[in-house]
């Protein structure tokens, strides 16, 4: 049975100075960014903003300096991410590359891949998407059907990836695919490839969500050639690699701060003298946020120690999704207001936007059912 660990993260004067620097930067950079735009949280795309972060050393913070990184601590990186998300900064351009694609290349990539890609990510110039989900597969990642058939000099790829966030804006995809065997082999025969999205044979089709936005895509591969140098790690070990990557995807503060702009607008709408019911409900939200923040910060300490907190990350992701989805439901019960009232126009706009996006919170990064299965296995219950 697994023992879950959420150690206390380190606290230092340096990290708090860094927090002040980030807040000063955001106060200026986001001065004219309205609440509705801020509510997009980490889905907000702005290449110039990402490049500004890169110039300040706030991307690739923990990576070796040899690859454009800054060799700072995991907790210092956490401070920057937390402040960016709380402010509703548009970090989508570099987000996935910094969070998981770069670390994956650091761990499993070739020296050529690291030297050519990582410094560009660190500058905020190179963006990645994740090719995991597929049509008709639900959350069963092991049923992957996209096939990279070995050919002379590399692989010939055919298949389709779905719900690929920001593929239309990205330079590369980390493709999870099958290089041998069949779907019945499950975890065996899977690999990861570094795919240049400008390659011939790739078609990116937009998927417009309920909020009318284009974050998701269908990416179709038709006889796409990838050279042998595109292989990440070892052929056939894709499952072990991709599961280590998921701990990075599920553990961060984005898993409970997607609705934070609504929470802030709710506080403003309730005012300095809320009703007893309003004060109790909002206080409960703050308490839940405090606990989730403590758990997530603890995972940063495990990452700093070089551990793989996959199970702990699953807990934070599951609890965080429930919290994020609760906020709009609670908010609309506490504030009885029409969108035309000037005092609550921002609140109403953010509430409507968050309500439309909330169903995705328990889907992205692993569904609730998959996460609870992982947790149950860790507890020895299955």
Protein backbone atom coordinates (compact mmCIF):
# COMPACT_ATOMS: atom_id res chain seq x y z
CA UNK A 1 0.00 0.00 0.00
CA UNK A 2 1.27 3.43 -0.89
CA UNK A 3 1.81 6.06 1.79
CA UNK A 4 0.81 9.47 0.49
CA UNK A 5 3.32 12.23 1.27
CA UNK A 6 2.77 15.96 1.19
CA UNK A 7 5.87 17.44 2.87
CA UNK A 8 6.09 21.10 3.81
CA UNK A 9 7.62 23.12 0.98
CA UNK A 10 10.71 25.21 1.77
CA UNK A 11 10.11 28.84 2.67
CA UNK A 12 12.80 31.40 1.99
CA UNK A 13 13.28 35.12 1.77
CA UNK A 14 14.48 34.64 -1.82
CA UNK A 15 11.20 33.06 -2.89
CA UNK A 16 9.21 35.88 -1.33
CA UNK A 17 11.38 38.48 -3.08
CA UNK A 18 10.70 36.63 -6.28
CA UNK A 19 6.96 36.73 -5.55
CA UNK A 20 7.18 40.51 -5.19
CA UNK A 21 9.05 40.81 -8.49
CA UNK A 22 6.40 38.76 -10.29
CA UNK A 23 3.55 40.77 -8.79
CA UNK A 24 5.18 44.05 -9.84
CA UNK A 25 5.63 42.71 -13.38
CA UNK A 26 2.02 41.52 -13.57
CA UNK A 27 0.61 44.75 -12.20
CA UNK A 28 2.12 46.53 -15.19
CA UNK A 29 1.77 43.86 -17.88
CA UNK A 30 -1.89 43.07 -17.11
CA UNK A 31 -2.97 46.56 -16.16
CA UNK A 32 -5.50 46.77 -19.02
CA UNK A 33 -6.49 43.09 -19.17
CA UNK A 34 -10.21 42.79 -18.29
CA UNK A 35 -11.62 40.24 -15.85
CA UNK A 36 -13.23 38.17 -18.62
CA UNK A 37 -9.88 37.73 -20.41
CA UNK A 38 -8.20 36.87 -17.10
CA UNK A 39 -10.77 34.12 -16.50
CA UNK A 40 -9.21 32.13 -19.34
CA UNK A 41 -6.43 31.42 -16.84
CA UNK A 42 -3.75 29.19 -18.37
CA UNK A 43 -5.66 28.93 -21.66
CA UNK A 44 -4.89 32.55 -22.52
CA UNK A 45 -2.51 32.66 -25.50
CA UNK A 46 -0.08 35.56 -25.98
CA UNK A 47 3.31 34.82 -27.56
CA UNK A 48 4.70 38.26 -26.67
CA UNK A 49 3.84 37.71 -23.01
CA UNK A 50 5.57 34.31 -23.03
CA UNK A 51 8.67 35.88 -24.58
CA UNK A 52 8.63 38.56 -21.87
CA UNK A 53 8.56 35.80 -19.25
CA UNK A 54 11.43 34.05 -20.98
CA UNK A 55 13.53 37.22 -20.98
CA UNK A 56 13.07 37.44 -17.20
CA UNK A 57 14.13 33.84 -16.63
CA UNK A 58 10.67 32.66 -15.60
CA UNK A 59 10.49 29.76 -18.06
CA UNK A 60 12.67 26.65 -17.69
CA UNK A 61 13.49 27.86 -14.20
CA UNK A 62 14.71 24.50 -12.83
CA UNK A 63 16.54 23.31 -15.95
CA UNK A 64 20.34 23.17 -16.33
CA UNK A 65 21.93 26.37 -17.58
CA UNK A 66 23.55 24.36 -20.37
CA UNK A 67 20.10 24.10 -21.99
CA UNK A 68 18.96 27.66 -21.38
CA UNK A 69 17.59 27.00 -17.89
CA UNK A 70 18.27 28.86 -14.68
CA UNK A 71 18.89 26.10 -12.08
CA UNK A 72 16.42 27.54 -9.59
CA UNK A 73 14.35 25.46 -7.20
CA UNK A 74 11.04 23.74 -7.93
CA UNK A 75 9.44 25.90 -5.26
CA UNK A 76 10.66 29.12 -6.89
CA UNK A 77 9.09 27.91 -10.11
CA UNK A 78 5.91 27.19 -8.17
CA UNK A 79 5.83 30.77 -6.87
CA UNK A 80 5.97 32.16 -10.41
CA UNK A 81 3.26 29.81 -11.69
CA UNK A 82 0.98 30.52 -8.75
CA UNK A 83 1.21 34.28 -9.21
CA UNK A 84 0.66 34.02 -12.97
CA UNK A 85 -2.46 31.90 -12.55
CA UNK A 86 -3.89 33.97 -9.71
CA UNK A 87 -3.54 37.09 -11.87
CA UNK A 88 -5.06 35.42 -14.94
CA UNK A 89 -1.93 35.88 -17.04
CA UNK A 90 -1.97 34.55 -20.65
CA UNK A 91 0.62 31.79 -20.32
CA UNK A 92 -0.80 29.23 -22.77
CA UNK A 93 1.87 29.66 -25.46
CA UNK A 94 4.77 28.24 -23.42
CA UNK A 95 2.72 26.40 -20.79
CA UNK A 96 2.91 22.77 -21.90
CA UNK A 97 6.51 23.05 -23.14
CA UNK A 98 7.65 24.43 -19.78
CA UNK A 99 5.50 22.15 -17.63
CA UNK A 100 6.09 18.74 -19.18
CA UNK A 101 7.50 18.56 -22.71
CA UNK A 102 10.81 20.17 -21.79
CA UNK A 103 11.27 18.06 -18.63
CA UNK A 104 10.42 14.95 -20.69
CA UNK A 105 13.19 15.79 -23.16
CA UNK A 106 15.57 16.49 -20.28
CA UNK A 107 14.87 13.04 -18.86
CA UNK A 108 14.55 10.89 -21.99
CA UNK A 109 15.59 12.98 -24.99
CA UNK A 110 18.79 12.77 -26.99
CA UNK A 111 21.49 15.38 -26.63
CA UNK A 112 20.64 16.66 -30.11
CA UNK A 113 16.98 17.10 -29.11
CA UNK A 114 17.93 18.91 -25.92
CA UNK A 115 20.40 21.27 -27.57
CA UNK A 116 18.10 22.19 -30.45
CA UNK A 117 14.79 22.52 -28.56
CA UNK A 118 15.27 23.40 -24.88
CA UNK A 119 16.94 26.83 -25.23
CA UNK A 120 14.11 27.93 -27.53
CA UNK A 121 11.52 26.86 -24.97
CA UNK A 122 13.43 28.76 -22.28
CA UNK A 123 13.29 31.94 -24.38
CA UNK A 124 9.52 31.59 -24.80
CA UNK A 125 9.92 31.02 -28.55
CA UNK A 126 8.98 27.33 -28.92
CA UNK A 127 5.57 25.84 -28.10
CA UNK A 128 4.39 22.26 -27.61
CA UNK A 129 1.15 20.28 -27.57
CA UNK A 130 0.46 16.76 -26.32
CA UNK A 131 -0.66 13.96 -28.65
CA UNK A 132 -2.26 11.48 -26.25
CA UNK A 133 -6.07 11.27 -26.53
CA UNK A 134 -7.73 9.59 -29.52
CA UNK A 135 -11.25 9.27 -30.95
CA UNK A 136 -13.45 6.49 -29.49
CA UNK A 137 -10.92 5.78 -26.72
CA UNK A 138 -12.36 7.78 -23.84
CA UNK A 139 -9.76 7.82 -21.07
CA UNK A 140 -8.18 4.52 -22.10
CA UNK A 141 -4.77 5.81 -23.13
CA UNK A 142 -3.40 2.27 -23.49
CA UNK A 143 -5.78 1.62 -26.39
CA UNK A 144 -3.74 3.98 -28.61
CA UNK A 145 -4.18 3.18 -32.30
CA UNK A 146 -2.07 5.87 -33.97
CA UNK A 147 0.73 3.87 -35.52
CA UNK A 148 4.29 4.85 -36.35
CA UNK A 149 5.43 2.06 -38.64
CA UNK A 150 9.21 1.66 -38.96
CA UNK A 151 10.47 2.51 -42.46
CA UNK A 152 13.89 3.27 -43.87
CA UNK A 153 15.35 6.21 -41.97
CA UNK A 154 12.45 6.62 -39.53
CA UNK A 155 8.70 6.11 -39.15
CA UNK A 156 5.54 6.48 -41.24
CA UNK A 157 2.71 7.75 -39.06
CA UNK A 158 -1.05 7.32 -39.52
CA UNK A 159 -3.80 8.06 -37.03
CA UNK A 160 -5.72 10.80 -35.25
CA UNK A 161 -5.26 12.68 -31.99
CA UNK A 162 -8.13 14.50 -30.29
CA UNK A 163 -8.61 17.35 -27.79
CA UNK A 164 -5.12 18.56 -28.62
CA UNK A 165 -4.88 21.91 -26.85
CA UNK A 166 -3.38 24.81 -28.83
CA UNK A 167 -2.07 22.58 -31.62
CA UNK A 168 -2.91 25.39 -34.06
CA UNK A 169 -0.31 27.60 -32.34
CA UNK A 170 2.41 25.05 -31.59
CA UNK A 171 5.68 24.11 -33.25
CA UNK A 172 5.96 20.55 -31.93
CA UNK A 173 3.91 17.67 -30.56
CA UNK A 174 5.04 14.90 -28.24
CA UNK A 175 3.23 12.01 -29.95
CA UNK A 176 2.26 8.90 -27.98
CA UNK A 177 1.85 6.13 -30.54
CA UNK A 178 2.24 2.45 -31.26
CA UNK A 179 5.46 1.37 -32.95
CA UNK A 180 4.86 -2.38 -32.73
CA UNK A 181 2.17 -4.89 -31.84
CA UNK A 182 -1.55 -4.17 -31.61
CA UNK A 183 -4.05 -2.50 -29.27
CA UNK A 184 -4.47 -5.85 -27.49
CA UNK A 185 -0.87 -5.53 -26.31
CA UNK A 186 -1.93 -2.53 -24.19
CA UNK A 187 1.23 -0.93 -22.74
CA UNK A 188 3.68 -2.92 -24.85
CA UNK A 189 4.92 -1.54 -28.13
CA UNK A 190 4.19 2.12 -27.42
CA UNK A 191 6.68 4.94 -27.99
CA UNK A 192 6.94 8.73 -27.99
CA UNK A 193 8.05 10.80 -30.96
CA UNK A 194 9.03 14.46 -31.32
CA UNK A 195 6.87 15.70 -34.20
CA UNK A 196 7.43 18.90 -36.15
CA UNK A 197 3.87 20.10 -36.80
CA UNK A 198 4.96 21.68 -40.08
CA UNK A 199 5.58 18.18 -41.49
CA UNK A 200 3.66 17.27 -44.68
CA UNK A 201 0.59 15.11 -44.08
CA UNK A 202 -0.52 16.73 -40.80
CA UNK A 203 -3.96 18.37 -40.75
CA UNK A 204 -5.12 20.37 -37.73
CA UNK A 205 -8.91 20.72 -37.51
CA UNK A 206 -10.40 23.14 -34.94
CA UNK A 207 -12.88 22.02 -32.27
CA UNK A 208 -14.95 24.94 -31.00
CA UNK A 209 -16.06 24.50 -27.38
CA UNK A 210 -19.33 25.54 -25.71
CA UNK A 211 -17.87 28.94 -24.89
CA UNK A 212 -17.28 29.54 -28.61
CA UNK A 213 -13.50 29.34 -28.21
CA UNK A 214 -10.86 27.47 -30.16
CA UNK A 215 -8.56 25.74 -27.68
CA UNK A 216 -9.05 22.14 -28.78
CA UNK A 217 -8.13 20.44 -32.06
CA UNK A 218 -8.27 17.21 -33.97
CA UNK A 219 -4.84 16.40 -35.43
CA UNK A 220 -4.82 13.93 -38.33
CA UNK A 221 -1.66 12.12 -39.48
CA UNK A 222 -1.69 10.77 -43.04
CA UNK A 223 1.55 9.05 -44.05
CA UNK A 224 3.60 11.53 -42.05
CA UNK A 225 7.31 10.80 -42.08
CA UNK A 226 9.33 11.29 -38.88
CA UNK A 227 13.09 10.61 -38.92
CA UNK A 228 14.68 8.12 -36.55
CA UNK A 229 16.06 11.08 -34.60
CA UNK A 230 12.47 11.94 -33.58
CA UNK A 231 12.31 8.98 -31.18
CA UNK A 232 12.25 10.09 -27.53
CA UNK A 233 13.84 7.62 -25.15
CA UNK A 234 13.65 3.97 -26.17
CA UNK A 235 11.29 2.39 -28.63
CA UNK A 236 8.61 0.36 -26.83
CA UNK A 237 8.95 2.22 -23.52
CA UNK A 238 6.44 4.94 -24.23
CA UNK A 239 4.04 3.89 -21.49
CA UNK A 240 6.58 4.28 -18.69
CA UNK A 241 7.65 7.63 -20.13
CA UNK A 242 4.16 9.03 -20.57
CA UNK A 243 3.03 8.07 -17.06
CA UNK A 244 6.02 9.86 -15.53
CA UNK A 245 5.03 12.90 -17.59
CA UNK A 246 1.47 12.87 -16.21
CA UNK A 247 2.67 13.61 -12.66
CA UNK A 248 3.94 16.96 -13.96
CA UNK A 249 0.62 17.63 -15.73
CA UNK A 250 -1.58 16.90 -12.72
CA UNK A 251 0.23 18.38 -9.73
CA UNK A 252 0.40 22.12 -10.34
CA UNK A 253 -1.74 24.99 -9.07
CA UNK A 254 -3.56 25.16 -12.41
CA UNK A 255 -5.59 22.23 -11.09
CA UNK A 256 -7.36 24.45 -8.56
CA UNK A 257 -6.89 28.02 -9.87
CA UNK A 258 -8.83 27.85 -13.14
CA UNK A 259 -11.83 29.48 -11.46
CA UNK A 260 -9.82 31.88 -9.31
CA UNK A 261 -10.83 34.99 -11.28
CA UNK A 262 -14.48 34.14 -10.57
CA UNK A 263 -13.65 33.70 -6.89
CA UNK A 264 -12.08 37.15 -6.84
CA UNK A 265 -15.05 38.71 -8.66
CA UNK A 266 -17.38 36.93 -6.22
CA UNK A 267 -15.56 38.56 -3.29
CA UNK A 268 -16.02 41.98 -4.92
CA UNK A 269 -19.70 41.30 -5.64
CA UNK A 270 -20.36 40.20 -2.04
CA UNK A 271 -18.73 43.39 -0.81
CA UNK A 272 -17.11 44.24 2.52
CA UNK A 273 -20.24 43.32 4.51
CA UNK A 274 -21.63 40.07 3.05
CA UNK A 275 -24.62 38.26 4.51
CA UNK A 276 -23.96 35.55 7.07
CA UNK A 277 -24.73 32.92 4.45
CA UNK A 278 -22.38 34.60 1.97
CA UNK A 279 -19.57 34.89 4.51
CA UNK A 280 -19.86 31.22 5.49
CA UNK A 281 -19.96 29.99 1.90
CA UNK A 282 -17.04 32.15 0.81
CA UNK A 283 -15.06 31.22 3.90
CA UNK A 284 -15.53 27.55 3.07
CA UNK A 285 -14.16 28.17 -0.43
CA UNK A 286 -11.11 29.92 1.03
CA UNK A 287 -10.54 26.99 3.39
CA UNK A 288 -10.68 24.49 0.55
CA UNK A 289 -8.32 26.63 -1.52
CA UNK A 290 -5.85 26.80 1.38
CA UNK A 291 -5.79 23.01 1.76
CA UNK A 292 -5.34 22.41 -1.97
CA UNK A 293 -2.55 24.96 -2.09
CA UNK A 294 -0.79 23.23 0.81
CA UNK A 295 -1.04 19.83 -0.90
CA UNK A 296 0.16 21.15 -4.25
CA UNK A 297 3.08 23.03 -2.70
CA UNK A 298 4.05 19.79 -0.95
CA UNK A 299 4.31 18.08 -4.32
CA UNK A 300 6.78 20.75 -5.43
CA UNK A 301 8.99 19.58 -2.56
CA UNK A 302 8.77 15.98 -3.82
CA UNK A 303 9.68 17.11 -7.35
CA UNK A 304 12.61 19.06 -5.91
CA UNK A 305 13.79 15.82 -4.30
CA UNK A 306 13.67 14.06 -7.68
CA UNK A 307 10.68 11.87 -6.82
CA UNK A 308 7.74 10.91 -9.05
CA UNK A 309 4.60 11.90 -7.07
CA UNK A 310 2.13 10.40 -9.54
CA UNK A 311 -0.34 9.28 -6.88
CA UNK A 312 -0.15 12.50 -4.88
CA UNK A 313 -0.66 14.46 -8.09
CA UNK A 314 -3.78 12.41 -8.85
CA UNK A 315 -5.25 13.42 -5.49
CA UNK A 316 -4.59 17.12 -6.09
CA UNK A 317 -6.00 16.91 -9.62
CA UNK A 318 -9.20 15.15 -8.49
CA UNK A 319 -9.85 17.41 -5.50
CA UNK A 320 -8.89 20.49 -7.49
CA UNK A 321 -11.34 19.73 -10.32
CA UNK A 322 -14.20 19.32 -7.83
CA UNK A 323 -13.27 22.61 -6.17
CA UNK A 324 -13.06 24.48 -9.48
CA UNK A 325 -16.46 23.16 -10.54
CA UNK A 326 -18.04 24.07 -7.20
CA UNK A 327 -17.09 27.76 -7.42
CA UNK A 328 -19.48 28.77 -10.26
CA UNK A 329 -22.33 26.79 -8.71
CA UNK A 330 -21.85 28.50 -5.36
CA UNK A 331 -21.28 31.92 -6.95
CA UNK A 332 -24.57 31.96 -8.83
CA UNK A 333 -26.47 31.06 -5.66
CA UNK A 334 -24.83 33.83 -3.63
CA UNK A 335 -25.21 36.77 -6.02
CA UNK A 336 -28.66 37.61 -7.35
CA UNK A 337 -27.82 40.05 -10.10
CA UNK A 338 -28.64 40.80 -13.72
CA UNK A 339 -25.76 41.13 -16.22
CA UNK A 340 -26.90 44.68 -17.01
CA UNK A 341 -26.19 46.01 -13.52
CA UNK A 342 -22.93 48.02 -13.76
CA UNK A 343 -21.71 46.97 -10.31
CA UNK A 344 -21.69 43.27 -11.20
CA UNK A 345 -21.19 43.21 -14.96
CA UNK A 346 -17.67 41.78 -14.67
CA UNK A 347 -18.88 39.17 -12.18
CA UNK A 348 -21.72 38.06 -14.46
CA UNK A 349 -19.47 37.83 -17.52
CA UNK A 350 -16.85 35.78 -15.67
CA UNK A 351 -19.54 33.56 -14.12
CA UNK A 352 -21.10 32.79 -17.52
CA UNK A 353 -17.69 32.03 -19.03
CA UNK A 354 -16.63 29.79 -16.14
CA UNK A 355 -19.92 27.87 -16.16
CA UNK A 356 -19.44 27.01 -19.82
CA UNK A 357 -15.85 25.84 -19.26
CA UNK A 358 -16.38 24.04 -15.93
CA UNK A 359 -17.34 20.65 -17.45
CA UNK A 360 -13.85 20.38 -18.95
CA UNK A 361 -12.14 20.71 -15.56
CA UNK A 362 -12.82 17.06 -14.67
CA UNK A 363 -11.82 15.83 -18.14
CA UNK A 364 -8.50 17.48 -19.00
CA UNK A 365 -5.40 15.83 -17.60
CA UNK A 366 -7.29 12.63 -16.77
CA UNK A 367 -10.95 12.05 -15.98
CA UNK A 368 -12.24 11.77 -12.44
CA UNK A 369 -12.84 8.03 -12.88
CA UNK A 370 -9.28 7.37 -14.06
CA UNK A 371 -7.76 9.41 -11.23
CA UNK A 372 -9.81 7.67 -8.57
CA UNK A 373 -8.79 4.32 -10.00
CA UNK A 374 -5.13 5.35 -9.64
CA UNK A 375 -5.74 6.50 -6.07
CA UNK A 376 -7.61 3.29 -5.18
CA UNK A 377 -4.74 1.20 -6.53
CA UNK A 378 -2.30 3.24 -4.47
CA UNK A 379 -4.37 2.56 -1.36
CA UNK A 380 -4.38 -1.17 -2.12
CA UNK A 381 -8.13 -1.22 -2.81
CA UNK A 382 -7.91 -2.67 -6.34
